Amino acid sequence: MEMLLYHSTTIAVFAVLIILVLGLRSMLKGDSPNLSQKLMRWRVGLQFFAILVIMTYVFFGR
């Protein structure tokens, strides 16, 4: 169980990083403002999920 949570934590953090980079790239390129807003909203949701996974890992890792 601990190994699964460890890998889930890693995947969640990298997913947040990828969405962050895509959103920033979209803003800097001047693409559609709606796309960058949508990506940043996805980032916030993924950050929430990542925090939940990390807290679960810490709780069960003890």
PDB file of N, CA and C in Angstrom:
ATOM      1  N   MET A   1       0.823  -1.191   0.000  1.00  0.00           N
ATOM      2  CA  MET A   1       0.000   0.000   0.000  1.00  0.00           C
ATOM      3  C   MET A   1       0.871   1.262   0.000  1.00  0.00           C
ATOM      4  N   GLU A   2       1.938   1.214   0.794  1.00  0.00           N
ATOM      5  CA  GLU A   2       2.803   2.382   0.886  1.00  0.00           C
ATOM      6  C   GLU A   2       3.495   2.670  -0.447  1.00  0.00           C
ATOM      7  N   MET A   3       3.889   1.621  -1.160  1.00  0.00           N
ATOM      8  CA  MET A   3       4.547   1.806  -2.453  1.00  0.00           C
ATOM      9  C   MET A   3       3.583   2.402  -3.470  1.00  0.00           C
ATOM     10  N   LEU A   4       2.323   1.963  -3.438  1.00  0.00           N
ATOM     11  CA  LEU A   4       1.309   2.502  -4.340  1.00  0.00           C
ATOM     12  C   LEU A   4       1.085   3.986  -4.066  1.00  0.00           C
ATOM     13  N   LEU A   5       1.000   4.368  -2.800  1.00  0.00           N
ATOM     14  CA  LEU A   5       0.823   5.773  -2.454  1.00  0.00           C
ATOM     15  C   LEU A   5       2.040   6.608  -2.829  1.00  0.00           C
ATOM     16  N   TYR A   6       3.223   6.029  -2.689  1.00  0.00           N
ATOM     17  CA  TYR A   6       4.445   6.740  -3.074  1.00  0.00           C
ATOM     18  C   TYR A   6       4.434   7.061  -4.562  1.00  0.00           C
ATOM     19  N   HIS A   7       4.105   6.069  -5.377  1.00  0.00           N
ATOM     20  CA  HIS A   7       4.077   6.284  -6.826  1.00  0.00           C
ATOM     21  C   HIS A   7       2.924   7.199  -7.224  1.00  0.00           C
ATOM     22  N   SER A   8       1.801   7.112  -6.538  1.00  0.00           N
ATOM     23  CA  SER A   8       0.675   8.007  -6.813  1.00  0.00           C
ATOM     24  C   SER A   8       1.050   9.454  -6.503  1.00  0.00           C
ATOM     25  N   THR A   9       1.799   9.652  -5.441  1.00  0.00           N
ATOM     26  CA  THR A   9       2.272  10.989  -5.092  1.00  0.00           C
ATOM     27  C   THR A   9       3.163  11.546  -6.188  1.00  0.00           C
ATOM     28  N   THR A  10       4.078  10.734  -6.670  1.00  0.00           N
ATOM     29  CA  THR A  10       4.983  11.162  -7.730  1.00  0.00           C
ATOM     30  C   THR A  10       4.216  11.514  -8.996  1.00  0.00           C
ATOM     31  N   ILE A  11       3.279  10.675  -9.373  1.00  0.00           N
ATOM     32  CA  ILE A  11       2.491  10.920 -10.586  1.00  0.00           C
ATOM     33  C   ILE A  11       1.659  12.188 -10.434  1.00  0.00           C
ATOM     34  N   ALA A  12       1.056  12.395  -9.269  1.00  0.00           N
ATOM     35  CA  ALA A  12       0.228  13.579  -9.050  1.00  0.00           C
ATOM     36  C   ALA A  12       1.057  14.860  -9.130  1.00  0.00           C
ATOM     37  N   VAL A  13       2.244  14.847  -8.555  1.00  0.00           N
ATOM     38  CA  VAL A  13       3.097  16.038  -8.582  1.00  0.00           C
ATOM     39  C   VAL A  13       3.557  16.329 -10.009  1.00  0.00           C
ATOM     40  N   PHE A  14       3.929  15.310 -10.759  1.00  0.00           N
ATOM     41  CA  PHE A  14       4.337  15.533 -12.142  1.00  0.00           C
ATOM     42  C   PHE A  14       3.175  15.987 -13.016  1.00  0.00           C
ATOM     43  N   ALA A  15       1.967  15.516 -12.730  1.00  0.00           N
ATOM     44  CA  ALA A  15       0.790  15.969 -13.476  1.00  0.00           C
ATOM     45  C   ALA A  15       0.561  17.459 -13.238  1.00  0.00           C
ATOM     46  N   VAL A  16       0.711  17.904 -12.000  1.00  0.00           N
ATOM     47  CA  VAL A  16       0.573  19.329 -11.686  1.00  0.00           C
ATOM     48  C   VAL A  16       1.646  20.128 -12.422  1.00  0.00           C
ATOM     49  N   LEU A  17       2.866  19.636 -12.425  1.00  0.00           N
ATOM     50  CA  LEU A  17       3.965  20.323 -13.098  1.00  0.00           C
ATOM     51  C   LEU A  17       3.702  20.452 -14.597  1.00  0.00           C
ATOM     52  N   ILE A  18       3.235  19.382 -15.223  1.00  0.00           N
ATOM     53  CA  ILE A  18       2.975  19.405 -16.662  1.00  0.00           C
ATOM     54  C   ILE A  18       1.876  20.408 -17.000  1.00  0.00           C
ATOM     55  N   ILE A  19       0.782  20.393 -16.233  1.00  0.00           N
ATOM     56  CA  ILE A  19      -0.311  21.328 -16.485  1.00  0.00           C
ATOM     57  C   ILE A  19       0.148  22.764 -16.241  1.00  0.00           C
ATOM     58  N   LEU A  20       0.982  22.984 -15.224  1.00  0.00           N
ATOM     59  CA  LEU A  20       1.508  24.319 -14.950  1.00  0.00           C
ATOM     60  C   LEU A  20       2.334  24.826 -16.130  1.00  0.00           C
ATOM     61  N   VAL A  21       3.222  23.988 -16.643  1.00  0.00           N
ATOM     62  CA  VAL A  21       4.072  24.387 -17.766  1.00  0.00           C
ATOM     63  C   VAL A  21       3.224  24.661 -19.010  1.00  0.00           C
ATOM     64  N   LEU A  22       2.237  23.811 -19.271  1.00  0.00           N
ATOM     65  CA  LEU A  22       1.370  24.036 -20.433  1.00  0.00           C
ATOM     66  C   LEU A  22       0.581  25.331 -20.294  1.00  0.00           C
ATOM     67  N   GLY A  23       0.074  25.622 -19.105  1.00  0.00           N
ATOM     68  CA  GLY A  23      -0.670  26.858 -18.884  1.00  0.00           C
ATOM     69  C   GLY A  23       0.202  28.091 -19.027  1.00  0.00           C
ATOM     70  N   LEU A  24       1.404  28.041 -18.467  1.00  0.00           N
ATOM     71  CA  LEU A  24       2.320  29.175 -18.588  1.00  0.00           C
ATOM     72  C   LEU A  24       2.745  29.388 -20.034  1.00  0.00           C
ATOM     73  N   ARG A  25       3.004  28.298 -20.732  1.00  0.00           N
ATOM     74  CA  ARG A  25       3.382  28.403 -22.145  1.00  0.00           C
ATOM     75  C   ARG A  25       2.256  29.020 -22.961  1.00  0.00           C
ATOM     76  N   SER A  26       1.039  28.617 -22.664  1.00  0.00           N
ATOM     77  CA  SER A  26      -0.117  29.152 -23.372  1.00  0.00           C
ATOM     78  C   SER A  26      -0.261  30.654 -23.118  1.00  0.00           C
ATOM     79  N   MET A  27      -0.036  31.069 -21.869  1.00  0.00           N
ATOM     80  CA  MET A  27      -0.128  32.499 -21.553  1.00  0.00           C
ATOM     81  C   MET A  27       0.981  33.296 -22.236  1.00  0.00           C
ATOM     82  N   LEU A  28       2.202  32.771 -22.211  1.00  0.00           N
ATOM     83  CA  LEU A  28       3.332  33.497 -22.786  1.00  0.00           C
ATOM     84  C   LEU A  28       3.263  33.576 -24.305  1.00  0.00           C
ATOM     85  N   LYS A  29       2.725  32.532 -24.944  1.00  0.00           N
ATOM     86  CA  LYS A  29       2.594  32.553 -26.397  1.00  0.00           C
ATOM     87  C   LYS A  29       1.482  33.478 -26.853  1.00  0.00           C
ATOM     88  N   GLY A  30       0.561  33.785 -25.968  1.00  0.00           N
ATOM     89  CA  GLY A  30      -0.553  34.638 -26.337  1.00  0.00           C
ATOM     90  C   GLY A  30      -1.682  33.872 -26.994  1.00  0.00           C
ATOM     91  N   ASP A  31      -1.748  32.583 -26.747  1.00  0.00           N
ATOM     92  CA  ASP A  31      -2.848  31.776 -27.276  1.00  0.00           C
ATOM     93  C   ASP A  31      -4.158  32.227 -26.650  1.00  0.00           C
ATOM     94  N   SER A  32      -5.173  31.480 -26.874  1.00  0.00           N
ATOM     95  CA  SER A  32      -6.494  31.788 -26.352  1.00  0.00           C
ATOM     96  C   SER A  32      -6.454  31.952 -24.832  1.00  0.00           C
ATOM     97  N   PRO A  33      -6.962  33.071 -24.332  1.00  0.00           N
ATOM     98  CA  PRO A  33      -7.001  33.254 -22.870  1.00  0.00           C
ATOM     99  C   PRO A  33      -7.880  32.202 -22.192  1.00  0.00           C
ATOM    100  N   ASN A  34      -8.886  31.722 -22.895  1.00  0.00           N
ATOM    101  CA  ASN A  34      -9.750  30.705 -22.310  1.00  0.00           C
ATOM    102  C   ASN A  34      -8.995  29.412 -22.058  1.00  0.00           C
ATOM    103  N   LEU A  35      -8.081  29.061 -22.969  1.00  0.00           N
ATOM    104  CA  LEU A  35      -7.291  27.841 -22.797  1.00  0.00           C
ATOM    105  C   LEU A  35      -6.380  27.950 -21.588  1.00  0.00           C
ATOM    106  N   SER A  36      -5.707  29.074 -21.430  1.00  0.00           N
ATOM    107  CA  SER A  36      -4.802  29.211 -20.285  1.00  0.00           C
ATOM    108  C   SER A  36      -5.590  29.243 -18.975  1.00  0.00           C
ATOM    109  N   GLN A  37      -6.769  29.860 -18.970  1.00  0.00           N
ATOM    110  CA  GLN A  37      -7.609  29.852 -17.771  1.00  0.00           C
ATOM    111  C   GLN A  37      -8.065  28.443 -17.427  1.00  0.00           C
ATOM    112  N   LYS A  38      -8.442  27.683 -18.459  1.00  0.00           N
ATOM    113  CA  LYS A  38      -8.890  26.308 -18.243  1.00  0.00           C
ATOM    114  C   LYS A  38      -7.753  25.457 -17.689  1.00  0.00           C
ATOM    115  N   LEU A  39      -6.552  25.642 -18.229  1.00  0.00           N
ATOM    116  CA  LEU A  39      -5.401  24.878 -17.741  1.00  0.00           C
ATOM    117  C   LEU A  39      -5.056  25.247 -16.303  1.00  0.00           C
ATOM    118  N   MET A  40      -5.159  26.521 -15.962  1.00  0.00           N
ATOM    119  CA  MET A  40      -4.861  26.930 -14.593  1.00  0.00           C
ATOM    120  C   MET A  40      -5.922  26.412 -13.614  1.00  0.00           C
ATOM    121  N   ARG A  41      -7.168  26.313 -14.059  1.00  0.00           N
ATOM    122  CA  ARG A  41      -8.201  25.720 -13.197  1.00  0.00           C
ATOM    123  C   ARG A  41      -7.931  24.231 -12.992  1.00  0.00           C
ATOM    124  N   TRP A  42      -7.509  23.553 -14.051  1.00  0.00           N
ATOM    125  CA  TRP A  42      -7.142  22.141 -13.929  1.00  0.00           C
ATOM    126  C   TRP A  42      -5.974  21.982 -12.963  1.00  0.00           C
ATOM    127  N   ARG A  43      -5.033  22.924 -13.019  1.00  0.00           N
ATOM    128  CA  ARG A  43      -3.876  22.863 -12.122  1.00  0.00           C
ATOM    129  C   ARG A  43      -4.310  22.946 -10.668  1.00  0.00           C
ATOM    130  N   VAL A  44      -5.234  23.843 -10.378  1.00  0.00           N
ATOM    131  CA  VAL A  44      -5.704  23.995  -9.000  1.00  0.00           C
ATOM    132  C   VAL A  44      -6.376  22.708  -8.534  1.00  0.00           C
ATOM    133  N   GLY A  45      -7.198  22.103  -9.391  1.00  0.00           N
ATOM    134  CA  GLY A  45      -7.843  20.839  -9.035  1.00  0.00           C
ATOM    135  C   GLY A  45      -6.840  19.721  -8.822  1.00  0.00           C
ATOM    136  N   LEU A  46      -5.841  19.660  -9.699  1.00  0.00           N
ATOM    137  CA  LEU A  46      -4.808  18.632  -9.550  1.00  0.00           C
ATOM    138  C   LEU A  46      -3.956  18.868  -8.300  1.00  0.00           C
ATOM    139  N   GLN A  47      -3.727  20.126  -7.961  1.00  0.00           N
ATOM    140  CA  GLN A  47      -2.983  20.411  -6.736  1.00  0.00           C
ATOM    141  C   GLN A  47      -3.759  19.926  -5.515  1.00  0.00           C
ATOM    142  N   PHE A  48      -5.059  20.139  -5.519  1.00  0.00           N
ATOM    143  CA  PHE A  48      -5.889  19.659  -4.420  1.00  0.00           C
ATOM    144  C   PHE A  48      -5.792  18.139  -4.310  1.00  0.00           C
ATOM    145  N   PHE A  49      -5.906  17.458  -5.462  1.00  0.00           N
ATOM    146  CA  PHE A  49      -5.792  16.003  -5.481  1.00  0.00           C
ATOM    147  C   PHE A  49      -4.410  15.551  -5.001  1.00  0.00           C
ATOM    148  N   ALA A  50      -3.360  16.242  -5.449  1.00  0.00           N
ATOM    149  CA  ALA A  50      -1.993  15.883  -5.050  1.00  0.00           C
ATOM    150  C   ALA A  50      -1.805  16.049  -3.542  1.00  0.00           C
ATOM    151  N   ILE A  51      -2.374  17.104  -2.978  1.00  0.00           N
ATOM    152  CA  ILE A  51      -2.263  17.305  -1.538  1.00  0.00           C
ATOM    153  C   ILE A  51      -2.987  16.199  -0.780  1.00  0.00           C
ATOM    154  N   LEU A  52      -4.159  15.798  -1.282  1.00  0.00           N
ATOM    155  CA  LEU A  52      -4.872  14.687  -0.653  1.00  0.00           C
ATOM    156  C   LEU A  52      -4.055  13.400  -0.692  1.00  0.00           C
ATOM    157  N   VAL A  53      -3.429  13.126  -1.827  1.00  0.00           N
ATOM    158  CA  VAL A  53      -2.615  11.912  -1.961  1.00  0.00           C
ATOM    159  C   VAL A  53      -1.412  11.985  -1.032  1.00  0.00           C
ATOM    160  N   ILE A  54      -0.773  13.147  -0.961  1.00  0.00           N
ATOM    161  CA  ILE A  54       0.392  13.305  -0.086  1.00  0.00           C
ATOM    162  C   ILE A  54      -0.001  13.134   1.380  1.00  0.00           C
ATOM    163  N   MET A  55      -1.122  13.725   1.768  1.00  0.00           N
ATOM    164  CA  MET A  55      -1.576  13.589   3.152  1.00  0.00           C
ATOM    165  C   MET A  55      -1.942  12.138   3.482  1.00  0.00           C
ATOM    166  N   THR A  56      -2.525  11.437   2.531  1.00  0.00           N
ATOM    167  CA  THR A  56      -2.825  10.016   2.735  1.00  0.00           C
ATOM    168  C   THR A  56      -1.540   9.217   2.898  1.00  0.00           C
ATOM    169  N   TYR A  57      -0.545   9.536   2.072  1.00  0.00           N
ATOM    170  CA  TYR A  57       0.749   8.856   2.169  1.00  0.00           C
ATOM    171  C   TYR A  57       1.390   9.109   3.537  1.00  0.00           C
ATOM    172  N   VAL A  58       1.325  10.336   4.010  1.00  0.00           N
ATOM    173  CA  VAL A  58       1.905  10.664   5.315  1.00  0.00           C
ATOM    174  C   VAL A  58       1.135   9.952   6.422  1.00  0.00           C
ATOM    175  N   PHE A  59      -0.176   9.934   6.314  1.00  0.00           N
ATOM    176  CA  PHE A  59      -1.008   9.301   7.352  1.00  0.00           C
ATOM    177  C   PHE A  59      -0.741   7.803   7.451  1.00  0.00           C
ATOM    178  N   PHE A  60      -0.709   7.117   6.307  1.00  0.00           N
ATOM    179  CA  PHE A  60      -0.500   5.671   6.324  1.00  0.00           C
ATOM    180  C   PHE A  60       0.963   5.273   6.392  1.00  0.00           C
ATOM    181  N   GLY A  61       1.855   6.229   6.158  1.00  0.00           N
ATOM    182  CA  GLY A  61       3.289   5.930   6.187  1.00  0.00           C
ATOM    183  C   GLY A  61       3.851   5.843   7.585  1.00  0.00           C
ATOM    184  N   ARG A  62       3.071   6.232   8.568  1.00  0.00           N
ATOM    185  CA  ARG A  62       3.566   6.216   9.947  1.00  0.00           C
ATOM    186  C   ARG A  62       3.543   4.846  10.540  1.00  0.00           C
TER     187      ARG A  62
END
